[in-house]
N, C-alpha and C. Protein backbone atom coordinates (compact mmCIF):
# COMPACT_ATOMS: atom_id res chain seq x y z
N MET A 1 -28.69 12.58 62.02
CA MET A 1 -27.53 13.13 61.95
C MET A 1 -27.43 13.84 60.61
N SER A 2 -27.03 15.08 60.59
CA SER A 2 -26.86 15.84 59.38
C SER A 2 -25.49 16.23 59.00
N TYR A 3 -25.21 15.98 57.74
CA TYR A 3 -23.83 16.36 57.24
C TYR A 3 -23.98 17.71 56.49
N LYS A 4 -23.02 18.69 56.65
CA LYS A 4 -23.10 19.83 55.83
C LYS A 4 -22.26 19.54 54.73
N LYS A 5 -22.66 19.87 53.54
CA LYS A 5 -21.85 19.69 52.34
C LYS A 5 -21.34 20.92 52.05
N LYS A 6 -20.01 20.81 51.95
CA LYS A 6 -19.25 22.10 51.61
C LYS A 6 -19.16 22.27 50.06
N HIS A 7 -19.57 23.40 49.78
CA HIS A 7 -19.33 23.77 48.36
C HIS A 7 -17.83 23.90 47.90
N ILE A 8 -17.42 23.07 47.01
CA ILE A 8 -16.11 23.11 46.57
C ILE A 8 -16.10 23.51 45.08
N GLU A 9 -15.41 24.56 44.71
CA GLU A 9 -15.23 24.88 43.27
C GLU A 9 -14.22 23.91 42.72
N PRO A 10 -14.42 23.51 41.47
CA PRO A 10 -13.59 22.56 40.92
C PRO A 10 -12.36 23.41 40.52
N SER A 11 -11.14 22.72 40.43
CA SER A 11 -9.80 23.28 40.08
C SER A 11 -9.79 23.37 38.71
N VAL A 12 -10.36 24.42 37.93
CA VAL A 12 -10.23 24.47 36.62
C VAL A 12 -9.62 25.82 36.15
N VAL A 13 -8.56 25.78 35.34
CA VAL A 13 -8.03 26.93 34.84
C VAL A 13 -8.57 27.35 33.68
N ASN A 14 -9.21 28.63 33.69
CA ASN A 14 -9.88 29.20 32.53
C ASN A 14 -8.95 30.29 31.92
N GLU A 15 -8.39 29.90 30.74
CA GLU A 15 -7.53 30.92 29.95
C GLU A 15 -8.24 31.15 28.71
N PRO A 16 -8.01 32.36 28.18
CA PRO A 16 -8.43 32.60 26.86
C PRO A 16 -7.46 31.90 25.79
N MET A 17 -8.06 31.68 24.79
CA MET A 17 -7.16 31.02 23.74
C MET A 17 -6.16 32.08 23.42
N SER A 18 -4.95 31.73 23.04
CA SER A 18 -3.87 32.54 22.63
C SER A 18 -3.51 32.30 21.32
N ILE A 19 -3.19 33.33 20.51
CA ILE A 19 -2.60 33.21 19.09
C ILE A 19 -1.06 33.33 19.26
N TYR A 20 -0.51 32.27 18.73
CA TYR A 20 1.02 32.06 18.87
C TYR A 20 1.73 32.66 17.67
N ILE A 21 1.07 33.03 16.73
CA ILE A 21 1.62 33.69 15.67
C ILE A 21 1.50 35.23 15.69
N THR A 22 2.60 36.01 15.66
CA THR A 22 2.50 37.46 15.95
C THR A 22 2.05 38.02 14.66
N GLN A 23 1.54 39.34 14.80
CA GLN A 23 1.13 40.04 13.58
C GLN A 23 2.28 40.15 12.64
N GLY A 24 3.58 40.45 13.11
CA GLY A 24 4.67 40.70 12.32
C GLY A 24 5.07 39.48 11.50
N SER A 25 4.90 38.24 12.10
CA SER A 25 5.29 37.10 11.40
C SER A 25 4.38 36.75 10.29
N SER A 26 3.04 37.06 10.56
CA SER A 26 1.99 36.77 9.46
C SER A 26 2.22 37.84 8.24
N ASN A 27 2.61 38.96 8.58
CA ASN A 27 3.02 39.83 7.44
C ASN A 27 4.10 39.43 6.74
N PHE A 28 5.19 38.95 7.40
CA PHE A 28 6.31 38.32 6.79
C PHE A 28 6.00 37.16 5.89
N PHE A 29 5.13 36.30 6.44
CA PHE A 29 4.71 35.07 5.51
C PHE A 29 4.00 35.48 4.38
N TYR A 30 3.18 36.58 4.46
CA TYR A 30 2.42 37.03 3.30
C TYR A 30 3.40 37.77 2.32
N GLY A 31 4.40 38.40 2.91
CA GLY A 31 5.41 39.00 2.04
C GLY A 31 6.06 37.98 1.13
N LEU A 32 6.39 36.80 1.75
CA LEU A 32 7.04 35.77 1.01
C LEU A 32 6.08 35.11 0.01
N LEU A 33 4.79 35.01 0.28
CA LEU A 33 3.93 34.46 -0.60
C LEU A 33 2.95 35.56 -1.28
N CYS A 34 3.76 36.54 -1.81
CA CYS A 34 3.03 37.67 -2.37
C CYS A 34 2.06 37.34 -3.41
N GLY A 35 0.87 37.95 -3.44
CA GLY A 35 -0.10 37.70 -4.54
C GLY A 35 -1.30 36.71 -3.96
N ILE A 36 -1.17 36.34 -2.76
CA ILE A 36 -2.25 35.43 -2.30
C ILE A 36 -3.13 36.36 -1.43
N LYS A 37 -4.25 36.02 -1.31
CA LYS A 37 -5.22 36.71 -0.35
C LYS A 37 -5.02 36.39 1.10
N PRO A 38 -4.82 37.30 1.87
CA PRO A 38 -4.34 37.05 3.30
C PRO A 38 -5.47 36.20 3.92
N ILE A 39 -4.94 35.28 4.84
CA ILE A 39 -5.86 34.41 5.51
C ILE A 39 -5.43 34.51 7.01
N ASP A 40 -6.30 34.00 7.91
CA ASP A 40 -6.00 33.95 9.25
C ASP A 40 -5.07 32.80 9.66
N LEU A 41 -3.77 33.14 9.97
CA LEU A 41 -2.76 32.10 10.23
C LEU A 41 -3.08 31.24 11.55
N SER A 42 -3.82 31.89 12.46
CA SER A 42 -4.02 31.13 13.76
C SER A 42 -4.77 30.02 13.44
N ASN A 43 -5.50 29.80 12.34
CA ASN A 43 -6.33 28.66 11.99
C ASN A 43 -5.60 27.75 11.01
N ASP A 44 -5.16 26.61 11.34
CA ASP A 44 -4.32 25.64 10.49
C ASP A 44 -5.24 25.34 9.34
N PHE A 45 -6.57 25.25 9.53
CA PHE A 45 -7.67 24.82 8.50
C PHE A 45 -7.49 25.86 7.31
N ASN A 46 -7.22 27.13 7.62
CA ASN A 46 -6.98 28.10 6.42
C ASN A 46 -5.83 27.76 5.74
N ILE A 47 -4.68 27.23 6.23
CA ILE A 47 -3.56 26.94 5.43
C ILE A 47 -3.82 25.76 4.69
N VAL A 48 -4.51 24.84 5.24
CA VAL A 48 -4.97 23.48 4.56
C VAL A 48 -5.76 23.92 3.22
N GLN A 49 -6.63 25.00 3.39
CA GLN A 49 -7.55 25.29 2.33
C GLN A 49 -6.58 26.07 1.31
N LEU A 50 -5.55 26.88 1.70
CA LEU A 50 -4.73 27.46 0.72
C LEU A 50 -3.89 26.58 -0.08
N THR A 51 -3.48 25.48 0.63
CA THR A 51 -2.62 24.44 0.03
C THR A 51 -3.48 23.57 -1.00
N ARG A 52 -4.63 23.36 -0.65
CA ARG A 52 -5.58 22.58 -1.58
C ARG A 52 -5.93 23.42 -2.77
N LYS A 53 -6.03 24.76 -2.66
CA LYS A 53 -6.41 25.56 -3.76
C LYS A 53 -5.31 25.59 -4.82
N GLY A 54 -4.26 25.64 -4.17
CA GLY A 54 -2.96 25.76 -5.02
C GLY A 54 -2.50 27.27 -5.15
N LEU A 55 -1.20 27.41 -5.55
CA LEU A 55 -0.60 28.66 -5.79
C LEU A 55 -0.20 28.90 -7.24
N PRO A 56 -0.41 30.06 -7.74
CA PRO A 56 0.13 30.31 -9.01
C PRO A 56 1.77 30.20 -9.22
N LYS A 57 2.11 29.83 -10.28
CA LYS A 57 3.66 29.71 -10.52
C LYS A 57 4.39 31.00 -10.23
N ARG A 58 3.87 32.11 -10.43
CA ARG A 58 4.48 33.39 -10.19
C ARG A 58 4.83 33.56 -8.73
N VAL A 59 3.86 33.03 -7.91
CA VAL A 59 4.08 33.15 -6.39
C VAL A 59 5.29 32.18 -5.95
N LEU A 60 5.39 31.06 -6.60
CA LEU A 60 6.61 30.17 -6.30
C LEU A 60 7.84 30.82 -6.68
N LEU A 61 7.85 31.42 -7.94
CA LEU A 61 9.17 31.95 -8.36
C LEU A 61 9.41 33.23 -7.53
N SER A 62 8.45 34.04 -7.10
CA SER A 62 8.66 35.20 -6.18
C SER A 62 9.18 34.77 -4.95
N LEU A 63 8.66 33.64 -4.36
CA LEU A 63 9.19 33.05 -3.07
C LEU A 63 10.64 32.65 -3.24
N ALA A 64 10.91 31.87 -4.31
CA ALA A 64 12.33 31.51 -4.39
C ALA A 64 13.26 32.67 -4.61
N LYS A 65 12.88 33.69 -5.25
CA LYS A 65 13.76 34.75 -5.24
C LYS A 65 14.00 35.59 -3.96
N LYS A 66 12.90 35.60 -3.22
CA LYS A 66 12.92 36.27 -1.90
C LYS A 66 13.80 35.50 -0.88
N ILE A 67 13.77 34.18 -0.94
CA ILE A 67 14.52 33.36 0.02
C ILE A 67 15.85 32.95 -0.58
N SER A 68 16.29 33.53 -1.83
CA SER A 68 17.56 33.32 -2.41
C SER A 68 17.84 31.85 -2.92
N LEU A 69 16.78 31.17 -3.46
CA LEU A 69 16.83 29.86 -4.04
C LEU A 69 16.85 29.94 -5.54
N THR A 70 17.70 29.14 -6.13
CA THR A 70 17.58 29.09 -7.56
C THR A 70 16.40 28.19 -8.05
N ILE A 71 16.10 28.38 -9.28
CA ILE A 71 15.06 27.58 -9.69
C ILE A 71 15.22 26.12 -9.56
N GLN A 72 16.50 25.63 -9.77
CA GLN A 72 16.91 24.23 -9.55
C GLN A 72 16.73 23.74 -8.13
N GLU A 73 17.23 24.58 -7.24
CA GLU A 73 17.00 24.28 -5.73
C GLU A 73 15.46 24.15 -5.40
N LEU A 74 14.71 25.12 -5.88
CA LEU A 74 13.32 25.10 -5.60
C LEU A 74 12.65 23.74 -6.32
N ALA A 75 12.97 23.43 -7.43
CA ALA A 75 12.43 22.28 -8.17
C ALA A 75 12.90 20.95 -7.29
N ASN A 76 14.09 20.86 -6.89
CA ASN A 76 14.64 19.76 -6.12
C ASN A 76 13.76 19.55 -4.83
N ILE A 77 13.58 20.73 -4.17
CA ILE A 77 12.69 20.71 -2.88
C ILE A 77 11.24 20.14 -3.20
N MET A 78 10.65 20.58 -4.34
CA MET A 78 9.28 20.35 -4.82
C MET A 78 9.25 18.92 -5.44
N HIS A 79 10.32 18.33 -5.86
CA HIS A 79 10.30 17.00 -6.50
C HIS A 79 9.68 17.22 -7.85
N ILE A 80 10.02 18.26 -8.58
CA ILE A 80 9.64 18.42 -9.97
C ILE A 80 10.83 18.90 -10.79
N SER A 81 10.75 18.48 -11.96
CA SER A 81 11.94 18.82 -12.81
C SER A 81 11.93 20.34 -13.14
N GLU A 82 13.09 20.92 -13.20
CA GLU A 82 13.17 22.32 -13.51
C GLU A 82 12.39 22.68 -14.71
N ARG A 83 12.57 21.80 -15.90
CA ARG A 83 11.92 22.10 -17.09
C ARG A 83 10.35 22.03 -17.00
N THR A 84 9.87 21.20 -16.14
CA THR A 84 8.34 21.06 -15.99
C THR A 84 7.84 22.36 -15.21
N LEU A 85 8.70 22.77 -14.25
CA LEU A 85 8.26 23.99 -13.50
C LEU A 85 8.37 25.20 -14.51
N GLN A 86 9.34 25.22 -15.36
CA GLN A 86 9.32 26.26 -16.36
C GLN A 86 8.26 26.39 -17.38
N ARG A 87 7.75 25.15 -17.65
CA ARG A 87 6.63 25.15 -18.65
C ARG A 87 5.29 25.63 -18.25
N TYR A 88 5.07 25.78 -16.89
CA TYR A 88 3.74 26.29 -16.36
C TYR A 88 3.70 27.84 -16.74
N ASP A 89 2.63 28.23 -17.16
CA ASP A 89 2.33 29.48 -17.31
C ASP A 89 2.34 30.40 -15.93
N ASP A 90 2.91 31.70 -15.99
CA ASP A 90 2.99 32.41 -14.73
C ASP A 90 1.74 32.26 -13.84
N GLU A 91 0.71 32.46 -14.49
CA GLU A 91 -0.67 32.49 -13.68
C GLU A 91 -1.37 31.15 -13.50
N ALA A 92 -0.71 30.11 -14.10
CA ALA A 92 -1.24 28.77 -13.86
C ALA A 92 -1.01 28.38 -12.38
N VAL A 93 -1.97 27.69 -11.85
CA VAL A 93 -2.02 27.25 -10.55
C VAL A 93 -1.32 25.84 -10.47
N VAL A 94 -0.32 25.73 -9.74
CA VAL A 94 0.47 24.47 -9.66
C VAL A 94 -0.39 23.45 -8.77
N SER A 95 -0.08 22.17 -8.87
CA SER A 95 -0.76 21.26 -8.06
C SER A 95 -0.70 21.41 -6.46
N SER A 96 -1.36 20.90 -5.75
CA SER A 96 -1.48 21.15 -4.24
C SER A 96 -0.20 20.55 -3.69
N GLU A 97 0.39 19.45 -4.15
CA GLU A 97 1.68 18.89 -3.50
C GLU A 97 2.79 19.91 -3.85
N TYR A 98 2.85 20.63 -4.85
CA TYR A 98 3.87 21.65 -4.98
C TYR A 98 3.66 22.86 -4.15
N SER A 99 2.31 23.34 -4.10
CA SER A 99 1.86 24.45 -3.24
C SER A 99 2.17 24.16 -1.84
N GLU A 100 1.97 22.88 -1.41
CA GLU A 100 2.31 22.61 -0.05
C GLU A 100 3.80 22.84 0.44
N LYS A 101 4.68 22.42 -0.54
CA LYS A 101 6.04 22.56 -0.24
C LYS A 101 6.35 24.02 -0.27
N ALA A 102 5.83 24.82 -1.10
CA ALA A 102 6.11 26.35 -1.04
C ALA A 102 5.52 26.89 0.26
N ILE A 103 4.39 26.57 0.68
CA ILE A 103 3.89 27.03 1.94
C ILE A 103 4.82 26.61 3.07
N GLU A 104 5.25 25.28 3.04
CA GLU A 104 6.09 24.94 4.07
C GLU A 104 7.41 25.77 4.07
N LEU A 105 7.87 26.09 2.94
CA LEU A 105 9.09 26.88 2.85
C LEU A 105 8.87 28.22 3.42
N ALA A 106 7.73 28.72 3.08
CA ALA A 106 7.40 30.20 3.66
C ALA A 106 7.19 30.10 5.14
N ARG A 107 6.69 29.04 5.59
CA ARG A 107 6.54 28.97 7.14
C ARG A 107 7.86 28.63 7.76
N LEU A 108 8.78 27.91 7.15
CA LEU A 108 10.10 27.76 7.72
C LEU A 108 10.92 29.11 7.62
N TYR A 109 10.82 29.81 6.59
CA TYR A 109 11.62 30.91 6.52
C TYR A 109 11.05 32.16 7.50
N THR A 110 9.81 32.08 7.61
CA THR A 110 9.19 32.93 8.41
C THR A 110 9.71 32.64 9.99
N ARG A 111 9.65 31.37 10.24
CA ARG A 111 10.22 30.78 11.66
C ARG A 111 11.68 31.22 11.71
N GLY A 112 12.38 30.91 10.70
CA GLY A 112 13.83 31.30 10.70
C GLY A 112 14.11 32.73 11.07
N ASN A 113 13.28 33.64 10.42
CA ASN A 113 13.31 35.06 10.64
C ASN A 113 13.04 35.43 12.00
N GLU A 114 12.11 34.73 12.47
CA GLU A 114 11.79 35.06 14.02
C GLU A 114 12.93 34.63 14.95
N VAL A 115 13.49 33.47 14.72
CA VAL A 115 14.44 32.89 15.66
C VAL A 115 15.86 33.67 15.46
N PHE A 116 16.27 33.94 14.20
CA PHE A 116 17.42 34.63 13.96
C PHE A 116 17.38 36.20 13.91
N GLY A 117 16.15 36.64 13.96
CA GLY A 117 15.97 38.10 13.94
C GLY A 117 16.30 38.80 12.61
N SER A 118 16.56 37.99 11.66
CA SER A 118 17.00 38.58 10.35
C SER A 118 16.83 37.44 9.38
N ILE A 119 16.19 37.78 8.25
CA ILE A 119 16.16 36.78 7.07
C ILE A 119 17.50 36.43 6.59
N ASP A 120 18.42 37.45 6.50
CA ASP A 120 19.58 37.22 5.93
C ASP A 120 20.61 36.28 6.74
N LYS A 121 20.46 36.37 8.20
CA LYS A 121 21.10 35.59 9.04
C LYS A 121 20.55 34.13 8.92
N PHE A 122 19.28 33.95 8.74
CA PHE A 122 18.64 32.64 8.49
C PHE A 122 19.21 31.91 7.26
N LYS A 123 19.21 32.79 6.10
CA LYS A 123 19.53 32.36 4.82
C LYS A 123 20.98 31.81 4.86
N LEU A 124 21.95 32.51 5.63
CA LEU A 124 23.26 32.03 5.84
C LEU A 124 23.28 30.64 6.51
N TRP A 125 22.53 30.66 7.61
CA TRP A 125 22.48 29.43 8.53
C TRP A 125 22.05 28.20 7.72
N VAL A 126 20.86 28.38 6.88
CA VAL A 126 20.27 27.33 6.17
C VAL A 126 21.16 26.73 5.10
N ARG A 127 22.20 27.50 4.70
CA ARG A 127 23.09 27.03 3.66
C ARG A 127 24.49 26.56 4.25
N THR A 128 24.60 26.69 5.57
CA THR A 128 25.78 26.27 6.20
C THR A 128 25.76 24.73 6.69
N PRO A 129 26.73 23.99 6.30
CA PRO A 129 26.67 22.56 6.82
C PRO A 129 26.91 22.67 8.34
N SER A 130 26.21 21.57 8.79
CA SER A 130 26.11 21.48 10.32
C SER A 130 26.31 20.03 10.72
N VAL A 131 27.07 19.90 11.86
CA VAL A 131 27.28 18.68 12.59
C VAL A 131 25.94 18.00 12.82
N ILE A 132 24.97 18.69 13.42
CA ILE A 132 23.66 18.34 13.80
C ILE A 132 22.97 17.54 12.60
N PHE A 133 23.25 18.07 11.36
CA PHE A 133 22.58 17.46 10.26
C PHE A 133 23.51 16.56 9.53
N ASN A 134 24.55 15.93 10.27
CA ASN A 134 25.47 15.00 9.51
C ASN A 134 26.33 15.60 8.44
N GLY A 135 26.78 16.84 8.80
CA GLY A 135 27.44 17.73 7.79
C GLY A 135 26.83 18.26 6.54
N GLU A 136 25.57 18.01 6.48
CA GLU A 136 24.77 18.62 5.42
C GLU A 136 24.21 19.95 5.74
N ALA A 137 24.00 20.82 4.84
CA ALA A 137 23.35 22.08 5.15
C ALA A 137 21.84 21.85 5.33
N PRO A 138 21.19 22.61 6.14
CA PRO A 138 19.70 22.30 6.36
C PRO A 138 19.02 22.35 5.09
N LEU A 139 19.27 23.31 4.13
CA LEU A 139 18.70 23.50 2.83
C LEU A 139 18.50 22.07 2.11
N TYR A 140 19.49 21.37 2.19
CA TYR A 140 19.40 20.17 1.38
C TYR A 140 18.68 18.93 2.07
N LEU A 141 18.04 19.27 3.18
CA LEU A 141 17.19 18.30 3.89
C LEU A 141 15.73 18.52 3.57
N LEU A 142 15.50 19.67 2.93
CA LEU A 142 14.04 20.17 2.80
C LEU A 142 13.26 19.49 1.59
N ASP A 143 13.90 18.50 1.01
CA ASP A 143 13.15 17.67 -0.05
C ASP A 143 12.29 16.58 0.57
N THR A 144 12.29 16.40 1.94
CA THR A 144 11.43 15.52 2.63
C THR A 144 10.75 16.22 3.86
N SER A 145 9.71 15.55 4.19
CA SER A 145 8.95 16.28 5.15
C SER A 145 9.70 15.94 6.53
N ALA A 146 10.34 14.86 6.61
CA ALA A 146 11.19 14.54 7.76
C ALA A 146 12.30 15.60 7.98
N GLY A 147 12.89 16.07 6.87
CA GLY A 147 13.97 17.04 6.84
C GLY A 147 13.37 18.29 7.29
N PHE A 148 12.19 18.76 6.83
CA PHE A 148 11.47 19.96 7.28
C PHE A 148 11.30 19.90 8.72
N ASN A 149 10.90 18.67 9.30
CA ASN A 149 10.71 18.52 10.70
C ASN A 149 11.98 18.77 11.46
N MET A 150 13.07 18.22 11.00
CA MET A 150 14.41 18.25 11.71
C MET A 150 14.84 19.74 11.74
N VAL A 151 14.64 20.46 10.61
CA VAL A 151 15.07 21.80 10.84
C VAL A 151 14.19 22.73 11.52
N PHE A 152 12.88 22.54 11.64
CA PHE A 152 11.89 23.29 12.52
C PHE A 152 12.34 22.79 14.01
N THR A 153 12.67 21.73 14.19
CA THR A 153 13.05 21.28 15.53
C THR A 153 14.28 21.96 16.05
N GLU A 154 15.25 21.89 15.06
CA GLU A 154 16.48 22.60 15.44
C GLU A 154 16.31 24.06 15.65
N LEU A 155 15.49 24.74 14.99
CA LEU A 155 15.25 26.20 15.11
C LEU A 155 14.62 26.37 16.60
N GLY A 156 13.72 25.49 17.09
CA GLY A 156 13.29 25.53 18.35
C GLY A 156 14.37 25.39 19.33
N ARG A 157 15.31 24.46 19.13
CA ARG A 157 16.44 24.30 20.12
C ARG A 157 17.24 25.56 20.03
N ILE A 158 17.52 26.13 18.98
CA ILE A 158 18.26 27.36 18.88
C ILE A 158 17.66 28.46 19.65
N GLU A 159 16.37 28.64 19.45
CA GLU A 159 15.51 29.62 20.04
C GLU A 159 15.58 29.55 21.55
N HIS A 160 15.70 28.33 22.10
CA HIS A 160 15.80 28.11 23.59
C HIS A 160 17.24 27.94 24.03
N GLY A 161 18.15 28.18 23.25
CA GLY A 161 19.50 28.10 23.66
C GLY A 161 20.07 26.83 23.90
N ILE A 162 19.38 25.79 23.28
CA ILE A 162 19.98 24.40 23.36
C ILE A 162 20.82 24.14 22.11
N PHE A 163 22.17 24.13 22.38
CA PHE A 163 22.99 23.87 21.21
C PHE A 163 23.59 22.41 21.34
N ALA A 164 23.88 21.80 20.11
CA ALA A 164 24.49 20.46 20.30
C ALA A 164 26.00 20.57 20.48
């Protein structure tokens, strides 16, 4: 007795890798972190390397100015005293922990610009107290990684039309 074996193609979906960060958003990101060499944002390892390398103080101050933060607000987010931040030379590279916070700020404001369609609208939203954040403005949650996650999550909810 002979059985014919039927050739069955496996059910596998073959899709090309997609880049989820648009060209415009990476340009906005680099605009916020002016003075750094452009990297490929589709690869998180490049952001890790940038963080480990550190950023010059002038990049941090430029970022603060572009996103309308005072030096005191930036220092609070980075967990550094305002005076210590001011003591760095403009070209001095700050430690990776401070660079990481600056890069997270740039990523957050880039995402906010995408969701709100305008950096000015996002700047207003980030300073406005919200019931979702127990009456605090999102800006004042950014001194912790959990706070960053909460704000990123809320941006996703806003983008998809899910309001509390």
